[in-house]
Structure formats: C-alpha cells, structure tokens
Amino acid sequence: MPSVDMSNFEFNFGAAIKGILFALVLSLVLSTGAGLIYHFTSLAEHTLTWSAGIILASSTFCGAFSTGRQAGCKGLYHGLAVGIAFFVIVWIAAALFLPGQAGISLIVKLLLTALGGALGGIIGVGLA
C-alpha cells in the first residue's frame, strides 16, 4: 500500500474560519437586501430561487477568495473547505428555522457552494 506524505500539505485554519465568517456575514447582508427589494418593489417572487442561488454562490466565492489570498497556497482545498463548511452551516440553520424546507434542492445548493468556493479559492491564491 503506498504511503501518503502529508508534510507538504499546508492548511491555514485561521484563514478558513475568517473566510467562512465573511461568507456568512455577506450572505446575511445580501439576503437582507434582497428581502427589502422583494418587499418594497413589485419584483416577481418566482425570481427568488435565482436570487438565492446567486447569493449563495457569490457569498461563498467571496469568502473563499479572501481565504485563498490570505493562505497563499492550496486554493482548491481552502476554497472547498469554505464552500462545504458554509453549506453545512446554512443547511443546519435552514433545518432549525425552516424544518420541512431544508431538503429542497440540496444537491444544487451543495454544488453552488462547492463550485463557488473552489473557484474563489483558486482565484484568491492566483491573485495573492
């Protein structure tokens, strides 16, 4: 069985935590803004699904981007860590506050956050 050398694997947990928190705060701000826009305008509610997807992807991208820039290496790993952790936190919050709605389009949300995180982490490292 081949052995795996983990001595070159550098993971910056501090940067990942900061990126996750940044993604959560940004998601909350963007969701509040979207809620106000939907409440005070005549924007059709059928666009809400697209808005939620854009908010998830962009929040994860920005959090992973900042993590990648701060870590300076392993952008894919850092970005995926931020994306998946963000997804789990949002899923748990949805299960607590909206108990029958947490499972709706679960795979799509996981893909959005994982792809947004991976892309943000890679670009963040590339621009570091």
N, C-alpha and C. Protein backbone atom coordinates (compact mmCIF):
# COMPACT_ATOMS: atom_id res chain seq x y z
N MET A 1 0.85 -1.17 0.00
CA MET A 1 0.00 0.00 0.00
C MET A 1 0.89 1.24 0.00
N PRO A 2 0.68 2.17 -0.93
CA PRO A 2 1.53 3.36 -0.99
C PRO A 2 1.25 4.30 0.18
N SER A 3 2.30 4.93 0.67
CA SER A 3 2.13 5.89 1.76
C SER A 3 1.94 7.29 1.20
N VAL A 4 1.25 8.10 1.95
CA VAL A 4 0.97 9.47 1.55
C VAL A 4 1.78 10.41 2.43
N ASP A 5 2.56 11.27 1.80
CA ASP A 5 3.39 12.22 2.54
C ASP A 5 2.56 13.48 2.79
N MET A 6 2.17 13.71 4.03
CA MET A 6 1.35 14.87 4.39
C MET A 6 2.20 16.05 4.86
N SER A 7 3.52 15.94 4.78
CA SER A 7 4.37 17.02 5.28
C SER A 7 4.28 18.28 4.41
N ASN A 8 3.91 18.15 3.14
CA ASN A 8 3.79 19.32 2.27
C ASN A 8 2.39 19.92 2.26
N PHE A 9 1.48 19.30 2.97
CA PHE A 9 0.11 19.80 2.98
C PHE A 9 -0.02 20.89 4.02
N GLU A 10 -0.21 22.11 3.54
CA GLU A 10 -0.37 23.26 4.42
C GLU A 10 -1.82 23.71 4.37
N PHE A 11 -2.47 23.72 5.51
CA PHE A 11 -3.85 24.21 5.56
C PHE A 11 -3.93 25.26 6.64
N ASN A 12 -4.40 26.44 6.27
CA ASN A 12 -4.49 27.57 7.18
C ASN A 12 -5.90 27.63 7.75
N PHE A 13 -6.09 27.04 8.94
CA PHE A 13 -7.41 27.00 9.56
C PHE A 13 -7.92 28.40 9.92
N GLY A 14 -7.03 29.27 10.34
CA GLY A 14 -7.43 30.63 10.68
C GLY A 14 -8.02 31.37 9.48
N ALA A 15 -7.36 31.22 8.33
CA ALA A 15 -7.87 31.86 7.12
C ALA A 15 -9.20 31.26 6.71
N ALA A 16 -9.34 29.95 6.88
CA ALA A 16 -10.61 29.29 6.51
C ALA A 16 -11.75 29.75 7.41
N ILE A 17 -11.50 29.88 8.69
CA ILE A 17 -12.54 30.35 9.63
C ILE A 17 -12.95 31.78 9.28
N LYS A 18 -11.97 32.63 9.00
CA LYS A 18 -12.28 34.01 8.62
C LYS A 18 -13.09 34.05 7.32
N GLY A 19 -12.74 33.20 6.36
CA GLY A 19 -13.47 33.15 5.10
C GLY A 19 -14.91 32.67 5.29
N ILE A 20 -15.09 31.68 6.15
CA ILE A 20 -16.44 31.18 6.43
C ILE A 20 -17.27 32.27 7.08
N LEU A 21 -16.71 32.95 8.06
CA LEU A 21 -17.44 34.04 8.73
C LEU A 21 -17.75 35.17 7.76
N PHE A 22 -16.80 35.49 6.90
CA PHE A 22 -17.02 36.54 5.90
C PHE A 22 -18.16 36.13 4.97
N ALA A 23 -18.18 34.88 4.54
CA ALA A 23 -19.24 34.39 3.65
C ALA A 23 -20.60 34.43 4.35
N LEU A 24 -20.63 34.07 5.63
CA LEU A 24 -21.90 34.09 6.37
C LEU A 24 -22.43 35.52 6.53
N VAL A 25 -21.55 36.44 6.88
CA VAL A 25 -21.97 37.84 7.06
C VAL A 25 -22.42 38.42 5.72
N LEU A 26 -21.66 38.17 4.66
CA LEU A 26 -22.03 38.67 3.34
C LEU A 26 -23.36 38.08 2.89
N SER A 27 -23.57 36.81 3.15
CA SER A 27 -24.83 36.17 2.80
C SER A 27 -26.00 36.80 3.55
N LEU A 28 -25.80 37.09 4.82
CA LEU A 28 -26.84 37.73 5.62
C LEU A 28 -27.15 39.13 5.10
N VAL A 29 -26.13 39.90 4.76
CA VAL A 29 -26.32 41.25 4.23
C VAL A 29 -27.04 41.21 2.88
N LEU A 30 -26.58 40.33 1.99
CA LEU A 30 -27.21 40.23 0.67
C LEU A 30 -28.64 39.71 0.77
N SER A 31 -28.89 38.78 1.68
CA SER A 31 -30.25 38.26 1.86
C SER A 31 -31.19 39.33 2.40
N THR A 32 -30.68 40.13 3.33
CA THR A 32 -31.49 41.23 3.86
C THR A 32 -31.80 42.24 2.76
N GLY A 33 -30.80 42.56 1.97
CA GLY A 33 -31.01 43.48 0.84
C GLY A 33 -32.02 42.93 -0.16
N ALA A 34 -31.90 41.65 -0.47
CA ALA A 34 -32.84 41.04 -1.40
C ALA A 34 -34.25 41.02 -0.82
N GLY A 35 -34.34 40.74 0.48
CA GLY A 35 -35.66 40.75 1.13
C GLY A 35 -36.32 42.12 1.07
N LEU A 36 -35.52 43.15 1.31
CA LEU A 36 -36.06 44.51 1.22
C LEU A 36 -36.49 44.84 -0.21
N ILE A 37 -35.69 44.43 -1.18
CA ILE A 37 -36.04 44.68 -2.58
C ILE A 37 -37.34 43.97 -2.95
N TYR A 38 -37.46 42.71 -2.57
CA TYR A 38 -38.69 41.96 -2.88
C TYR A 38 -39.89 42.53 -2.14
N HIS A 39 -39.68 43.05 -0.93
CA HIS A 39 -40.80 43.59 -0.16
C HIS A 39 -41.31 44.93 -0.70
N PHE A 40 -40.38 45.80 -1.08
CA PHE A 40 -40.77 47.15 -1.46
C PHE A 40 -40.94 47.37 -2.96
N THR A 41 -40.68 46.38 -3.77
CA THR A 41 -40.88 46.51 -5.21
C THR A 41 -41.89 45.48 -5.68
N SER A 42 -42.23 45.57 -6.93
CA SER A 42 -43.17 44.60 -7.50
C SER A 42 -42.44 43.47 -8.22
N LEU A 43 -41.21 43.23 -7.83
CA LEU A 43 -40.43 42.15 -8.43
C LEU A 43 -41.12 40.82 -8.17
N ALA A 44 -41.24 40.01 -9.21
CA ALA A 44 -41.96 38.74 -9.10
C ALA A 44 -41.20 37.77 -8.19
N GLU A 45 -41.95 37.08 -7.36
CA GLU A 45 -41.33 36.16 -6.41
C GLU A 45 -40.76 34.91 -7.07
N HIS A 46 -41.14 34.62 -8.29
CA HIS A 46 -40.60 33.43 -8.94
C HIS A 46 -39.11 33.59 -9.25
N THR A 47 -38.59 34.80 -9.15
CA THR A 47 -37.14 35.02 -9.34
C THR A 47 -36.36 34.81 -8.04
N LEU A 48 -37.06 34.54 -6.96
CA LEU A 48 -36.42 34.38 -5.65
C LEU A 48 -35.44 33.21 -5.64
N THR A 49 -35.75 32.13 -6.35
CA THR A 49 -34.85 30.98 -6.40
C THR A 49 -33.52 31.37 -7.03
N TRP A 50 -33.57 32.14 -8.11
CA TRP A 50 -32.34 32.60 -8.76
C TRP A 50 -31.57 33.54 -7.85
N SER A 51 -32.27 34.41 -7.17
CA SER A 51 -31.61 35.34 -6.24
C SER A 51 -30.90 34.58 -5.13
N ALA A 52 -31.56 33.58 -4.58
CA ALA A 52 -30.96 32.79 -3.51
C ALA A 52 -29.71 32.06 -4.00
N GLY A 53 -29.77 31.52 -5.20
CA GLY A 53 -28.61 30.83 -5.77
C GLY A 53 -27.45 31.78 -6.00
N ILE A 54 -27.75 32.96 -6.49
CA ILE A 54 -26.70 33.96 -6.73
C ILE A 54 -26.08 34.40 -5.40
N ILE A 55 -26.90 34.58 -4.38
CA ILE A 55 -26.40 34.98 -3.07
C ILE A 55 -25.51 33.88 -2.48
N LEU A 56 -25.94 32.63 -2.58
CA LEU A 56 -25.13 31.52 -2.07
C LEU A 56 -23.78 31.45 -2.78
N ALA A 57 -23.81 31.46 -4.10
CA ALA A 57 -22.58 31.33 -4.88
C ALA A 57 -21.64 32.52 -4.67
N SER A 58 -22.18 33.73 -4.70
CA SER A 58 -21.31 34.90 -4.57
C SER A 58 -20.75 35.03 -3.15
N SER A 59 -21.53 34.70 -2.14
CA SER A 59 -21.03 34.75 -0.76
C SER A 59 -19.91 33.74 -0.56
N THR A 60 -20.12 32.54 -1.07
CA THR A 60 -19.09 31.51 -0.95
C THR A 60 -17.85 31.89 -1.72
N PHE A 61 -18.03 32.41 -2.94
CA PHE A 61 -16.90 32.84 -3.74
C PHE A 61 -16.07 33.88 -3.02
N CYS A 62 -16.72 34.90 -2.46
CA CYS A 62 -16.00 35.98 -1.79
C CYS A 62 -15.29 35.48 -0.53
N GLY A 63 -15.95 34.62 0.25
CA GLY A 63 -15.31 34.06 1.44
C GLY A 63 -14.10 33.21 1.08
N ALA A 64 -14.23 32.39 0.05
CA ALA A 64 -13.12 31.54 -0.38
C ALA A 64 -12.01 32.37 -1.02
N PHE A 65 -12.38 33.42 -1.73
CA PHE A 65 -11.39 34.30 -2.34
C PHE A 65 -10.51 34.93 -1.25
N SER A 66 -11.14 35.43 -0.20
CA SER A 66 -10.36 36.04 0.88
C SER A 66 -9.51 34.99 1.59
N THR A 67 -10.03 33.78 1.73
CA THR A 67 -9.25 32.70 2.34
C THR A 67 -8.05 32.34 1.48
N GLY A 68 -8.27 32.22 0.17
CA GLY A 68 -7.18 31.89 -0.74
C GLY A 68 -6.08 32.94 -0.75
N ARG A 69 -6.49 34.21 -0.73
CA ARG A 69 -5.50 35.29 -0.70
C ARG A 69 -4.69 35.26 0.58
N GLN A 70 -5.38 35.03 1.69
CA GLN A 70 -4.68 35.03 2.97
C GLN A 70 -3.79 33.79 3.11
N ALA A 71 -4.28 32.63 2.67
CA ALA A 71 -3.48 31.40 2.79
C ALA A 71 -2.30 31.41 1.83
N GLY A 72 -2.52 31.88 0.61
CA GLY A 72 -1.46 31.98 -0.36
C GLY A 72 -1.08 30.69 -1.06
N CYS A 73 -1.72 29.58 -0.70
CA CYS A 73 -1.42 28.30 -1.34
C CYS A 73 -2.63 27.37 -1.19
N LYS A 74 -2.63 26.32 -1.97
CA LYS A 74 -3.69 25.30 -1.89
C LYS A 74 -5.08 25.92 -1.98
N GLY A 75 -5.29 26.74 -3.01
CA GLY A 75 -6.54 27.45 -3.18
C GLY A 75 -7.74 26.54 -3.33
N LEU A 76 -7.57 25.43 -4.02
CA LEU A 76 -8.69 24.50 -4.20
C LEU A 76 -9.13 23.92 -2.87
N TYR A 77 -8.17 23.49 -2.05
CA TYR A 77 -8.51 22.91 -0.75
C TYR A 77 -9.13 23.93 0.19
N HIS A 78 -8.54 25.12 0.24
CA HIS A 78 -9.08 26.16 1.10
C HIS A 78 -10.48 26.59 0.63
N GLY A 79 -10.63 26.74 -0.68
CA GLY A 79 -11.92 27.16 -1.21
C GLY A 79 -13.00 26.12 -0.99
N LEU A 80 -12.67 24.85 -1.23
CA LEU A 80 -13.65 23.78 -0.99
C LEU A 80 -14.01 23.69 0.49
N ALA A 81 -13.03 23.89 1.36
CA ALA A 81 -13.31 23.86 2.80
C ALA A 81 -14.29 24.95 3.18
N VAL A 82 -14.09 26.14 2.65
CA VAL A 82 -15.00 27.26 2.93
C VAL A 82 -16.38 26.95 2.35
N GLY A 83 -16.42 26.48 1.10
CA GLY A 83 -17.70 26.20 0.45
C GLY A 83 -18.50 25.13 1.16
N ILE A 84 -17.85 24.04 1.53
CA ILE A 84 -18.58 22.94 2.17
C ILE A 84 -18.98 23.31 3.60
N ALA A 85 -18.11 23.98 4.34
CA ALA A 85 -18.46 24.42 5.69
C ALA A 85 -19.61 25.42 5.65
N PHE A 86 -19.57 26.34 4.70
CA PHE A 86 -20.65 27.31 4.54
C PHE A 86 -21.97 26.59 4.25
N PHE A 87 -21.92 25.61 3.35
CA PHE A 87 -23.11 24.84 3.02
C PHE A 87 -23.68 24.14 4.25
N VAL A 88 -22.82 23.50 5.03
CA VAL A 88 -23.28 22.77 6.21
C VAL A 88 -23.92 23.72 7.22
N ILE A 89 -23.30 24.87 7.44
CA ILE A 89 -23.86 25.84 8.39
C ILE A 89 -25.21 26.36 7.91
N VAL A 90 -25.31 26.68 6.63
CA VAL A 90 -26.58 27.18 6.08
C VAL A 90 -27.63 26.08 6.13
N TRP A 91 -27.24 24.85 5.85
CA TRP A 91 -28.19 23.74 5.87
C TRP A 91 -28.71 23.50 7.29
N ILE A 92 -27.82 23.56 8.29
CA ILE A 92 -28.24 23.38 9.68
C ILE A 92 -29.18 24.51 10.10
N ALA A 93 -28.85 25.74 9.72
CA ALA A 93 -29.72 26.88 10.05
C ALA A 93 -31.08 26.72 9.39
N ALA A 94 -31.10 26.27 8.14
CA ALA A 94 -32.38 26.06 7.45
C ALA A 94 -33.18 24.95 8.13
N ALA A 95 -32.51 23.90 8.58
CA ALA A 95 -33.21 22.81 9.25
C ALA A 95 -33.80 23.26 10.59
N LEU A 96 -33.10 24.18 11.27
CA LEU A 96 -33.60 24.68 12.55
C LEU A 96 -34.76 25.65 12.39
N PHE A 97 -34.63 26.58 11.43
CA PHE A 97 -35.61 27.64 11.30
C PHE A 97 -36.74 27.33 10.33
N LEU A 98 -36.47 26.47 9.36
CA LEU A 98 -37.49 26.10 8.37
C LEU A 98 -37.56 24.58 8.27
N PRO A 99 -38.04 23.85 9.26
CA PRO A 99 -37.95 22.38 9.26
C PRO A 99 -38.59 21.67 8.10
N GLY A 100 -39.06 21.64 7.27
CA GLY A 100 -39.57 20.94 6.11
C GLY A 100 -38.98 21.45 4.82
N GLN A 101 -38.26 22.58 4.89
CA GLN A 101 -37.71 23.18 3.68
C GLN A 101 -36.21 22.91 3.49
N ALA A 102 -35.57 22.33 4.49
CA ALA A 102 -34.11 22.18 4.45
C ALA A 102 -33.63 21.26 3.34
N GLY A 103 -34.44 20.30 2.93
CA GLY A 103 -34.00 19.34 1.93
C GLY A 103 -34.27 19.74 0.50
N ILE A 104 -34.93 20.86 0.29
CA ILE A 104 -35.29 21.29 -1.06
C ILE A 104 -34.04 21.72 -1.81
N SER A 105 -33.84 21.15 -2.98
CA SER A 105 -32.72 21.43 -3.88
C SER A 105 -31.37 21.39 -3.16
N LEU A 106 -31.20 20.41 -2.31
CA LEU A 106 -30.00 20.26 -1.51
C LEU A 106 -28.76 20.08 -2.37
N ILE A 107 -28.86 19.25 -3.39
CA ILE A 107 -27.71 18.97 -4.26
C ILE A 107 -27.30 20.23 -5.03
N VAL A 108 -28.27 20.99 -5.50
CA VAL A 108 -27.96 22.21 -6.25
C VAL A 108 -27.24 23.20 -5.35
N LYS A 109 -27.70 23.34 -4.11
CA LYS A 109 -27.05 24.27 -3.19
C LYS A 109 -25.64 23.81 -2.83
N LEU A 110 -25.46 22.51 -2.67
CA LEU A 110 -24.12 21.98 -2.40
C LEU A 110 -23.19 22.25 -3.57
N LEU A 111 -23.67 22.03 -4.78
CA LEU A 111 -22.85 22.30 -5.96
C LEU A 111 -22.51 23.78 -6.09
N LEU A 112 -23.49 24.65 -5.85
CA LEU A 112 -23.23 26.09 -5.94
C LEU A 112 -22.17 26.53 -4.94
N THR A 113 -22.28 26.07 -3.70
CA THR A 113 -21.32 26.50 -2.69
C THR A 113 -19.95 25.86 -2.91
N ALA A 114 -19.91 24.60 -3.34
CA ALA A 114 -18.62 23.94 -3.57
C ALA A 114 -17.92 24.56 -4.78
N LEU A 115 -18.65 24.79 -5.85
CA LEU A 115 -18.03 25.39 -7.04
C LEU A 115 -17.63 26.84 -6.79
N GLY A 116 -18.49 27.60 -6.12
CA GLY A 116 -18.14 28.98 -5.78
C GLY A 116 -16.92 29.04 -4.87
N GLY A 117 -16.86 28.12 -3.90
CA GLY A 117 -15.71 28.08 -3.01
C GLY A 117 -14.43 27.68 -3.71
N ALA A 118 -14.50 26.65 -4.55
CA ALA A 118 -13.31 26.19 -5.27
C ALA A 118 -12.79 27.28 -6.19
N LEU A 119 -13.68 27.90 -6.94
CA LEU A 119 -13.27 28.95 -7.86
C LEU A 119 -12.70 30.16 -7.11
N GLY A 120 -13.37 30.56 -6.02
CA GLY A 120 -12.87 31.69 -5.23
C GLY A 120 -11.52 31.41 -4.62
N GLY A 121 -11.31 30.20 -4.10
CA GLY A 121 -10.03 29.86 -3.51
C GLY A 121 -8.91 29.86 -4.52
N ILE A 122 -9.17 29.29 -5.70
CA ILE A 122 -8.14 29.23 -6.75
C ILE A 122 -7.79 30.63 -7.23
N ILE A 123 -8.79 31.45 -7.49
CA ILE A 123 -8.53 32.82 -7.95
C ILE A 123 -7.87 33.64 -6.85
N GLY A 124 -8.27 33.43 -5.60
CA GLY A 124 -7.66 34.15 -4.48
C GLY A 124 -6.17 33.85 -4.37
N VAL A 125 -5.79 32.58 -4.52
CA VAL A 125 -4.37 32.24 -4.47
C VAL A 125 -3.65 32.81 -5.68
N GLY A 126 -4.31 32.76 -6.84
CA GLY A 126 -3.69 33.28 -8.05
C GLY A 126 -3.42 34.76 -7.99
N LEU A 127 -4.23 35.50 -7.27
CA LEU A 127 -4.05 36.95 -7.16
C LEU A 127 -3.33 37.37 -5.87
N ALA A 128 -2.89 36.39 -5.10
CA ALA A 128 -2.19 36.71 -3.83
C ALA A 128 -0.79 37.23 -4.12
